[in-house]
C-alpha atoms as a PDB file:
ATOM      1  CA  MET A   1     -13.057  -5.931  12.153  1.00  0.00           C
ATOM      2  CA  LYS A   2     -10.582  -4.107  14.381  1.00  0.00           C
ATOM      3  CA  LEU A   3      -6.924  -3.718  13.407  1.00  0.00           C
ATOM      4  CA  ALA A   4      -4.305  -2.857  16.018  1.00  0.00           C
ATOM      5  CA  TRP A   5      -1.535  -0.873  14.326  1.00  0.00           C
ATOM      6  CA  LEU A   6       1.922  -1.079  15.922  1.00  0.00           C
ATOM      7  CA  THR A   7       5.238   0.274  14.743  1.00  0.00           C
ATOM      8  CA  ASP A   8       8.850   0.391  15.943  1.00  0.00           C
ATOM      9  CA  ILE A   9       8.110  -1.800  18.941  1.00  0.00           C
ATOM     10  CA  HIS A  10      11.765  -2.899  19.326  1.00  0.00           C
ATOM     11  CA  LEU A  11      10.894  -5.924  21.444  1.00  0.00           C
ATOM     12  CA  ASN A  12      14.568  -6.717  22.049  1.00  0.00           C
ATOM     13  CA  PHE A  13      14.871  -3.530  24.117  1.00  0.00           C
ATOM     14  CA  ILE A  14      12.545  -4.789  26.864  1.00  0.00           C
ATOM     15  CA  ASP A  15      12.593  -7.849  29.127  1.00  0.00           C
ATOM     16  CA  ASP A  16      10.294 -10.870  29.193  1.00  0.00           C
ATOM     17  CA  ASP A  17       7.880  -9.396  31.738  1.00  0.00           C
ATOM     18  CA  ALA A  18       7.539  -6.099  29.874  1.00  0.00           C
ATOM     19  CA  ARG A  19       6.893  -7.922  26.623  1.00  0.00           C
ATOM     20  CA  SER A  20       4.165 -10.022  28.262  1.00  0.00           C
ATOM     21  CA  VAL A  21       2.509  -6.876  29.599  1.00  0.00           C
ATOM     22  CA  PHE A  22       2.596  -5.363  26.116  1.00  0.00           C
ATOM     23  CA  TYR A  23       1.132  -8.479  24.529  1.00  0.00           C
ATOM     24  CA  GLN A  24      -1.728  -8.430  27.023  1.00  0.00           C
ATOM     25  CA  LYS A  25      -2.448  -4.798  26.124  1.00  0.00           C
ATOM     26  CA  ILE A  26      -2.857  -5.909  22.540  1.00  0.00           C
ATOM     27  CA  VAL A  27      -5.237  -8.693  23.572  1.00  0.00           C
ATOM     28  CA  ARG A  28      -7.266  -6.314  25.760  1.00  0.00           C
ATOM     29  CA  SER A  29      -7.579  -3.817  22.898  1.00  0.00           C
ATOM     30  CA  GLY A  30     -10.211  -6.114  21.425  1.00  0.00           C
ATOM     31  CA  CYS A  31      -8.501  -6.187  18.041  1.00  0.00           C
ATOM     32  CA  ASP A  32      -9.036  -9.011  15.596  1.00  0.00           C
ATOM     33  CA  THR A  33      -5.752  -8.552  13.738  1.00  0.00           C
ATOM     34  CA  VAL A  34      -2.345  -6.955  14.389  1.00  0.00           C
ATOM     35  CA  LEU A  35      -0.461  -4.807  11.857  1.00  0.00           C
ATOM     36  CA  ILE A  36       3.218  -3.938  12.404  1.00  0.00           C
ATOM     37  CA  SER A  37       5.011  -1.432  10.185  1.00  0.00           C
ATOM     38  CA  GLY A  38       8.556  -2.525  10.957  1.00  0.00           C
ATOM     39  CA  ASP A  39      11.329  -2.425  13.558  1.00  0.00           C
ATOM     40  CA  ILE A  40      10.095  -5.421  15.513  1.00  0.00           C
ATOM     41  CA  ALA A  41      13.488  -6.503  16.873  1.00  0.00           C
ATOM     42  CA  GLU A  42      16.980  -7.203  15.450  1.00  0.00           C
ATOM     43  CA  ALA A  43      18.078 -10.010  13.143  1.00  0.00           C
ATOM     44  CA  PRO A  44      19.470 -12.513  15.708  1.00  0.00           C
ATOM     45  CA  CYS A  45      16.258 -12.530  17.775  1.00  0.00           C
ATOM     46  CA  LEU A  46      13.653 -11.450  15.211  1.00  0.00           C
ATOM     47  CA  VAL A  47      12.157 -14.853  14.437  1.00  0.00           C
ATOM     48  CA  GLY A  48      12.090 -15.910  18.088  1.00  0.00           C
ATOM     49  CA  LEU A  49      10.343 -12.751  19.244  1.00  0.00           C
ATOM     50  CA  LEU A  50       7.792 -12.938  16.433  1.00  0.00           C
ATOM     51  CA  GLN A  51       7.022 -16.516  17.484  1.00  0.00           C
ATOM     52  CA  GLU A  52       6.746 -15.429  21.112  1.00  0.00           C
ATOM     53  CA  MET A  53       4.393 -12.597  20.204  1.00  0.00           C
ATOM     54  CA  ALA A  54       2.203 -14.799  18.030  1.00  0.00           C
ATOM     55  CA  GLY A  55       1.940 -17.375  20.815  1.00  0.00           C
ATOM     56  CA  GLN A  56       0.824 -14.857  23.429  1.00  0.00           C
ATOM     57  CA  VAL A  57      -1.361 -12.591  21.311  1.00  0.00           C
ATOM     58  CA  ASN A  58      -3.008 -15.477  19.435  1.00  0.00           C
ATOM     59  CA  LYS A  59      -4.261 -13.265  16.609  1.00  0.00           C
ATOM     60  CA  PRO A  60      -3.163 -12.947  12.978  1.00  0.00           C
ATOM     61  CA  ILE A  61      -0.074 -10.706  12.729  1.00  0.00           C
ATOM     62  CA  TYR A  62       0.712  -8.994   9.427  1.00  0.00           C
ATOM     63  CA  PHE A  63       4.035  -7.178   9.271  1.00  0.00           C
ATOM     64  CA  ALA A  64       6.660  -5.386   7.240  1.00  0.00           C
ATOM     65  CA  LEU A  65      10.285  -5.263   8.344  1.00  0.00           C
ATOM     66  CA  GLY A  66      12.220  -2.137   9.254  1.00  0.00           C
ATOM     67  CA  ASN A  67      15.907  -1.281   9.168  1.00  0.00           C
ATOM     68  CA  HIS A  68      16.469  -2.454  12.765  1.00  0.00           C
ATOM     69  CA  ASP A  69      15.122  -5.879  11.857  1.00  0.00           C
ATOM     70  CA  TYR A  70      18.195  -6.301   9.645  1.00  0.00           C
ATOM     71  CA  TYR A  71      20.731  -5.172  12.290  1.00  0.00           C
ATOM     72  CA  HIS A  72      23.543  -7.711  12.845  1.00  0.00           C
ATOM     73  CA  GLY A  73      22.436  -9.501   9.701  1.00  0.00           C
ATOM     74  CA  GLU A  74      22.339  -9.370   5.924  1.00  0.00           C
ATOM     75  CA  VAL A  75      19.255  -8.536   3.900  1.00  0.00           C
ATOM     76  CA  ASP A  76      18.865 -11.790   1.966  1.00  0.00           C
ATOM     77  CA  VAL A  77      19.626 -13.937   5.020  1.00  0.00           C
ATOM     78  CA  VAL A  78      17.069 -12.140   7.196  1.00  0.00           C
ATOM     79  CA  ARG A  79      14.464 -12.291   4.475  1.00  0.00           C
ATOM     80  CA  ALA A  80      15.014 -16.006   3.935  1.00  0.00           C
ATOM     81  CA  ALA A  81      14.486 -16.650   7.650  1.00  0.00           C
ATOM     82  CA  VAL A  82      11.322 -14.560   7.791  1.00  0.00           C
ATOM     83  CA  LEU A  83      10.017 -16.098   4.573  1.00  0.00           C
ATOM     84  CA  ASN A  84      10.473 -19.541   6.104  1.00  0.00           C
ATOM     85  CA  LEU A  85       8.688 -18.384   9.257  1.00  0.00           C
ATOM     86  CA  SER A  86       5.813 -16.895   7.293  1.00  0.00           C
ATOM     87  CA  ASP A  87       5.464 -20.113   5.286  1.00  0.00           C
ATOM     88  CA  GLN A  88       5.467 -22.398   8.315  1.00  0.00           C
ATOM     89  CA  ARG A  89       3.871 -20.469  11.169  1.00  0.00           C
ATOM     90  CA  THR A  90       0.125 -19.974  10.951  1.00  0.00           C
ATOM     91  CA  GLY A  91      -0.771 -16.487  12.107  1.00  0.00           C
ATOM     92  CA  LEU A  92       2.474 -14.713  11.093  1.00  0.00           C
ATOM     93  CA  TYR A  93       2.400 -13.058   7.679  1.00  0.00           C
ATOM     94  CA  TRP A  94       5.315 -11.110   6.234  1.00  0.00           C
ATOM     95  CA  LEU A  95       3.496  -8.985   3.665  1.00  0.00           C
ATOM     96  CA  GLN A  96       6.435  -8.931   1.298  1.00  0.00           C
ATOM     97  CA  ALA A  97       6.102 -12.696   0.859  1.00  0.00           C
ATOM     98  CA  VAL A  98       2.368 -13.408   0.891  1.00  0.00           C
ATOM     99  CA  GLU A  99      -0.484 -12.791  -1.499  1.00  0.00           C
ATOM    100  CA  LEU A 100      -2.699  -9.740  -1.204  1.00  0.00           C
ATOM    101  CA  GLN A 101      -4.747 -10.018   1.980  1.00  0.00           C
ATOM    102  CA  GLN A 102      -8.481  -9.528   1.513  1.00  0.00           C
ATOM    103  CA  LEU A 103      -9.397  -8.336   5.010  1.00  0.00           C
ATOM    104  CA  THR A 104     -13.018  -7.734   4.041  1.00  0.00           C
ATOM    105  CA  PRO A 105     -14.815  -7.824   0.671  1.00  0.00           C
ATOM    106  CA  GLU A 106     -13.945  -4.119   0.284  1.00  0.00           C
ATOM    107  CA  ILE A 107     -10.521  -3.800   1.956  1.00  0.00           C
ATOM    108  CA  ILE A 108      -7.166  -5.179   0.824  1.00  0.00           C
ATOM    109  CA  LEU A 109      -3.980  -5.187   2.901  1.00  0.00           C
ATOM    110  CA  LEU A 110      -0.516  -5.270   1.340  1.00  0.00           C
ATOM    111  CA  GLY A 111       2.974  -4.097   2.207  1.00  0.00           C
ATOM    112  CA  GLN A 112       6.676  -3.833   1.452  1.00  0.00           C
ATOM    113  CA  ASP A 113       9.502  -3.144   3.893  1.00  0.00           C
ATOM    114  CA  GLY A 114      10.898  -0.033   2.195  1.00  0.00           C
ATOM    115  CA  TRP A 115      14.275   1.681   2.602  1.00  0.00           C
ATOM    116  CA  ALA A 116      15.507   5.255   2.893  1.00  0.00           C
ATOM    117  CA  ASP A 117      16.743   6.188  -0.582  1.00  0.00           C
ATOM    118  CA  GLY A 118      18.753   9.376  -0.050  1.00  0.00           C
ATOM    119  CA  ARG A 119      16.657  11.306  -2.562  1.00  0.00           C
ATOM    120  CA  PHE A 120      15.349  13.868  -0.078  1.00  0.00           C
ATOM    121  CA  GLY A 121      17.641  16.567   1.280  1.00  0.00           C
ATOM    122  CA  ASP A 122      21.361  16.878   0.611  1.00  0.00           C
ATOM    123  CA  TYR A 123      22.902  13.433   0.865  1.00  0.00           C
ATOM    124  CA  HIS A 124      26.218  14.324  -0.721  1.00  0.00           C
ATOM    125  CA  HIS A 125      27.035  17.123   1.744  1.00  0.00           C
ATOM    126  CA  SER A 126      25.669  15.316   4.799  1.00  0.00           C
ATOM    127  CA  THR A 127      28.148  14.132   7.423  1.00  0.00           C
ATOM    128  CA  VAL A 128      25.477  12.017   9.155  1.00  0.00           C
ATOM    129  CA  THR A 129      26.271   8.336   9.652  1.00  0.00           C
ATOM    130  CA  LEU A 130      23.552   6.026  10.933  1.00  0.00           C
ATOM    131  CA  ASN A 131      23.919   2.609  12.528  1.00  0.00           C
ATOM    132  CA  ASP A 132      22.348   1.113   9.403  1.00  0.00           C
ATOM    133  CA  SER A 133      25.660   1.325   7.563  1.00  0.00           C
ATOM    134  CA  ARG A 134      27.492  -0.157  10.529  1.00  0.00           C
ATOM    135  CA  LEU A 135      25.107  -2.951  11.507  1.00  0.00           C
ATOM    136  CA  ILE A 136      23.452  -4.117   8.263  1.00  0.00           C
ATOM    137  CA  GLY A 137      25.945  -6.212   6.346  1.00  0.00           C
ATOM    138  CA  ASP A 138      24.940  -5.051   2.859  1.00  0.00           C
ATOM    139  CA  LEU A 139      25.163  -1.371   3.763  1.00  0.00           C
ATOM    140  CA  PHE A 140      28.371  -1.834   5.730  1.00  0.00           C
ATOM    141  CA  GLN A 141      30.086  -3.408   2.744  1.00  0.00           C
ATOM    142  CA  ALA A 142      28.867  -0.626   0.480  1.00  0.00           C
ATOM    143  CA  ARG A 143      30.020   2.064   2.914  1.00  0.00           C
ATOM    144  CA  LEU A 144      33.561   0.633   2.842  1.00  0.00           C
ATOM    145  CA  MET A 145      33.609   1.496  -0.867  1.00  0.00           C
ATOM    146  CA  GLY A 146      32.629   5.109  -0.262  1.00  0.00           C
ATOM    147  CA  LYS A 147      29.683   7.469   0.048  1.00  0.00           C
ATOM    148  CA  ASN A 148      28.521   7.046  -3.547  1.00  0.00           C
ATOM    149  CA  ALA A 149      28.551   3.262  -3.243  1.00  0.00           C
ATOM    150  CA  LEU A 150      26.465   3.461  -0.064  1.00  0.00           C
ATOM    151  CA  LEU A 151      23.892   5.666  -1.775  1.00  0.00           C
ATOM    152  CA  GLN A 152      23.776   3.278  -4.711  1.00  0.00           C
ATOM    153  CA  LYS A 153      23.064   0.338  -2.378  1.00  0.00           C
ATOM    154  CA  MET A 154      20.396   2.300  -0.467  1.00  0.00           C
ATOM    155  CA  GLN A 155      18.656   3.137  -3.717  1.00  0.00           C
ATOM    156  CA  GLN A 156      18.990  -0.387  -5.035  1.00  0.00           C
ATOM    157  CA  LEU A 157      17.208  -1.747  -1.973  1.00  0.00           C
ATOM    158  CA  ALA A 158      14.587   1.020  -2.011  1.00  0.00           C
ATOM    159  CA  ASP A 159      13.895   0.762  -5.729  1.00  0.00           C
ATOM    160  CA  ARG A 160      13.455  -3.011  -5.579  1.00  0.00           C
ATOM    161  CA  ASP A 161      10.860  -2.760  -2.826  1.00  0.00           C
ATOM    162  CA  ALA A 162       9.136   0.108  -4.631  1.00  0.00           C
ATOM    163  CA  GLU A 163       8.876  -1.966  -7.797  1.00  0.00           C
ATOM    164  CA  TRP A 164       7.300  -4.798  -5.844  1.00  0.00           C
ATOM    165  CA  LEU A 165       4.908  -2.344  -4.188  1.00  0.00           C
ATOM    166  CA  SER A 166       3.913  -0.961  -7.581  1.00  0.00           C
ATOM    167  CA  ASN A 167       3.131  -4.469  -8.812  1.00  0.00           C
ATOM    168  CA  ASP A 168       1.067  -5.251  -5.702  1.00  0.00           C
ATOM    169  CA  LEU A 169      -0.868  -1.991  -5.960  1.00  0.00           C
ATOM    170  CA  SER A 170      -1.700  -2.715  -9.594  1.00  0.00           C
ATOM    171  CA  LYS A 171      -2.957  -6.199  -8.726  1.00  0.00           C
ATOM    172  CA  ALA A 172      -5.015  -4.851  -5.839  1.00  0.00           C
ATOM    173  CA  ALA A 173      -6.612  -2.084  -7.914  1.00  0.00           C
ATOM    174  CA  LYS A 174      -7.878  -4.637 -10.431  1.00  0.00           C
ATOM    175  CA  LEU A 175      -9.970  -6.172  -7.642  1.00  0.00           C
ATOM    176  CA  LYS A 176     -11.752  -2.815  -7.255  1.00  0.00           C
ATOM    177  CA  PRO A 177     -11.723  -2.511  -3.442  1.00  0.00           C
ATOM    178  CA  LYS A 178     -12.934   0.574  -1.632  1.00  0.00           C
ATOM    179  CA  GLN A 179      -9.738   0.767   0.411  1.00  0.00           C
ATOM    180  CA  ILE A 180      -6.154  -0.452   0.212  1.00  0.00           C
ATOM    181  CA  ILE A 181      -4.083  -0.428   3.407  1.00  0.00           C
ATOM    182  CA  VAL A 182      -0.332  -0.320   2.861  1.00  0.00           C
ATOM    183  CA  LEU A 183       2.256  -1.185   5.509  1.00  0.00           C
ATOM    184  CA  THR A 184       5.783   0.096   4.936  1.00  0.00           C
ATOM    185  CA  HIS A 185       8.521   1.204   7.288  1.00  0.00           C
ATOM    186  CA  VAL A 186      10.116   4.347   5.891  1.00  0.00           C
ATOM    187  CA  PRO A 187       7.908   7.449   5.410  1.00  0.00           C
ATOM    188  CA  PRO A 188       7.319   8.113   1.705  1.00  0.00           C
ATOM    189  CA  PHE A 189       7.084  11.924   1.681  1.00  0.00           C
ATOM    190  CA  GLU A 190       9.212  14.770   3.018  1.00  0.00           C
ATOM    191  CA  GLU A 191       6.178  16.055   4.896  1.00  0.00           C
ATOM    192  CA  THR A 192       6.072  12.830   6.926  1.00  0.00           C
ATOM    193  CA  CYS A 193       9.756  12.850   7.915  1.00  0.00           C
ATOM    194  CA  LEU A 194       9.548  14.885  11.113  1.00  0.00           C
ATOM    195  CA  TYR A 195      11.811  15.586  14.071  1.00  0.00           C
ATOM    196  CA  GLN A 196      10.401  17.410  17.098  1.00  0.00           C
ATOM    197  CA  GLY A 197       7.396  18.456  15.036  1.00  0.00           C
ATOM    198  CA  GLN A 198       9.399  19.930  12.161  1.00  0.00           C
ATOM    199  CA  LYS A 199      10.602  18.462   8.887  1.00  0.00           C
ATOM    200  CA  SER A 200      13.948  16.722   9.307  1.00  0.00           C
ATOM    201  CA  SER A 201      17.009  18.750   8.373  1.00  0.00           C
ATOM    202  CA  THR A 202      18.463  18.571   4.897  1.00  0.00           C
ATOM    203  CA  TYR A 203      21.357  16.450   6.189  1.00  0.00           C
ATOM    204  CA  PHE A 204      19.270  13.911   8.147  1.00  0.00           C
ATOM    205  CA  ILE A 205      16.278  13.496   5.857  1.00  0.00           C
ATOM    206  CA  PRO A 206      18.180  11.472   3.214  1.00  0.00           C
ATOM    207  CA  TYR A 207      18.179   8.619   5.746  1.00  0.00           C
ATOM    208  CA  PHE A 208      14.569   8.989   6.901  1.00  0.00           C
ATOM    209  CA  GLY A 209      12.452   9.096   3.765  1.00  0.00           C
ATOM    210  CA  SER A 210      11.799   7.034   0.633  1.00  0.00           C
ATOM    211  CA  LYS A 211      10.948   9.259  -2.305  1.00  0.00           C
ATOM    212  CA  ILE A 212      10.583   6.329  -4.670  1.00  0.00           C
ATOM    213  CA  MET A 213       7.854   4.848  -2.452  1.00  0.00           C
ATOM    214  CA  GLY A 214       6.023   8.169  -2.448  1.00  0.00           C
ATOM    215  CA  ASP A 215       6.197   8.341  -6.233  1.00  0.00           C
ATOM    216  CA  VAL A 216       4.696   4.851  -6.515  1.00  0.00           C
ATOM    217  CA  LEU A 217       1.899   5.651  -4.072  1.00  0.00           C
ATOM    218  CA  LEU A 218       1.021   8.921  -5.812  1.00  0.00           C
ATOM    219  CA  GLN A 219       0.881   7.213  -9.174  1.00  0.00           C
ATOM    220  CA  ALA A 220      -1.416   4.485  -7.859  1.00  0.00           C
ATOM    221  CA  ALA A 221      -3.750   6.897  -6.079  1.00  0.00           C
ATOM    222  CA  GLN A 222      -3.964   9.232  -9.071  1.00  0.00           C
ATOM    223  CA  ALA A 223      -4.753   6.337 -11.386  1.00  0.00           C
ATOM    224  CA  ASN A 224      -7.490   4.978  -9.089  1.00  0.00           C
ATOM    225  CA  PRO A 225      -9.438   7.922  -7.632  1.00  0.00           C
ATOM    226  CA  THR A 226     -12.281   5.720  -6.345  1.00  0.00           C
ATOM    227  CA  ILE A 227      -9.943   3.741  -4.075  1.00  0.00           C
ATOM    228  CA  ASN A 228      -8.893   5.147  -0.704  1.00  0.00           C
ATOM    229  CA  TYR A 229      -5.255   4.440   0.187  1.00  0.00           C
ATOM    230  CA  LEU A 230      -4.133   4.363   3.826  1.00  0.00           C
ATOM    231  CA  VAL A 231      -0.371   4.095   4.357  1.00  0.00           C
ATOM    232  CA  LEU A 232       0.951   3.161   7.816  1.00  0.00           C
ATOM    233  CA  CYS A 233       4.651   3.559   8.551  1.00  0.00           C
ATOM    234  CA  GLY A 234       7.225   4.325  11.235  1.00  0.00           C
ATOM    235  CA  HIS A 235      11.024   4.771  11.329  1.00  0.00           C
ATOM    236  CA  THR A 236      11.192   8.408  12.516  1.00  0.00           C
ATOM    237  CA  HIS A 237       9.510   7.752  15.910  1.00  0.00           C
ATOM    238  CA  GLU A 238       7.685  11.055  15.350  1.00  0.00           C
ATOM    239  CA  ALA A 239       3.942  11.237  14.680  1.00  0.00           C
ATOM    240  CA  ALA A 240       2.954  12.603  11.293  1.00  0.00           C
ATOM    241  CA  PHE A 241      -0.205  12.850   9.218  1.00  0.00           C
ATOM    242  CA  TYR A 242      -0.178  13.820   5.566  1.00  0.00           C
ATOM    243  CA  GLN A 243      -2.801  13.728   2.837  1.00  0.00           C
ATOM    244  CA  PRO A 244      -1.229  14.638  -0.505  1.00  0.00           C
ATOM    245  CA  LEU A 245      -4.386  13.569  -2.356  1.00  0.00           C
ATOM    246  CA  SER A 246      -8.000  13.280  -1.251  1.00  0.00           C
ATOM    247  CA  ASN A 247      -7.735   9.477  -1.548  1.00  0.00           C
ATOM    248  CA  LEU A 248      -4.198   9.053  -0.148  1.00  0.00           C
ATOM    249  CA  THR A 249      -3.487   9.326   3.592  1.00  0.00           C
ATOM    250  CA  VAL A 250      -0.145   8.631   5.266  1.00  0.00           C
ATOM    251  CA  LYS A 251       0.310   8.106   9.007  1.00  0.00           C
ATOM    252  CA  VAL A 252       3.586   7.764  10.892  1.00  0.00           C
ATOM    253  CA  GLY A 253       3.616   6.442  14.460  1.00  0.00           C
ATOM    254  CA  LYS A 254       5.079   8.162  17.512  1.00  0.00           C
ATOM    255  CA  VAL A 255       7.328   5.843  19.516  1.00  0.00           C
ATOM    256  CA  GLU A 256       9.732   5.827  22.457  1.00  0.00           C
ATOM    257  CA  TYR A 257      12.444   3.193  22.759  1.00  0.00           C
ATOM    258  CA  GLY A 258      11.628   0.733  25.527  1.00  0.00           C
ATOM    259  CA  ALA A 259       7.934   1.671  25.586  1.00  0.00           C
ATOM    260  CA  PRO A 260       6.096  -0.169  22.789  1.00  0.00           C
ATOM    261  CA  SER A 261       2.530   0.951  22.294  1.00  0.00           C
ATOM    262  CA  ILE A 262      -0.554   0.537  20.137  1.00  0.00           C
ATOM    263  CA  GLN A 263      -0.662   3.438  17.721  1.00  0.00           C
ATOM    264  CA  GLU A 264      -4.308   3.044  16.874  1.00  0.00           C
ATOM    265  CA  VAL A 265      -7.101   0.506  16.734  1.00  0.00           C
ATOM    266  CA  ILE A 266      -8.606   0.924  13.291  1.00  0.00           C
ATOM    267  CA  SER A 267     -12.174  -0.230  12.688  1.00  0.00           C
ATOM    268  CA  VAL A 268     -12.845  -1.448   9.158  1.00  0.00           C
END
């Protein structure tokens, strides 16, 4: 089986013709299945572009959502729409809403969206403001109440997804696979939050990493040394590779806006 891994494809940034060209590249890659680790589009056009992609690629698509997928929307509203899509559209699977995916007898796929949690770097002294707190309704409302309220909302979202990931990892480990592939959007370790080849600055990294996700992944990998964990994520648009444990590997995709690409075709 061949898995085409995509991330941060931002389909709303390119026109119909460019999207068709990209879809044909996926088809010509010879993959059997498509994995997307978030930032597919933005809330108003997310469902439509996923349907378009599924129709042209005609292969199973497993995905997590990224922060951009919630732009111009609210978290629960976007998730309800994508849940409905995943329930009704054969071939589109939002990993947060479906059962563990047994890709082969020895490989399980699972995923959670994930959120930056402000636990890396120096959030409280940072003057950085990202579009997330302007364009995602939940974060915008929290920001109006102040910096501490915004951090609390970020961590609430991140911790909820991390709890769900922990539960999924525990269920998957009981099946005793050789490998678990995890899709999530936000890099889970400081070492994977890069900018121009270097670790993000102390004032930017609070918005580009999810420490709670890293903690969950480390705990799972340490508890199950015979299982290999491969984590695929995006968000930073900067390539990164990190192996904190011999059985835990994290990859982050390199991306340019307006130029979606296949990160890797993974043979399993």
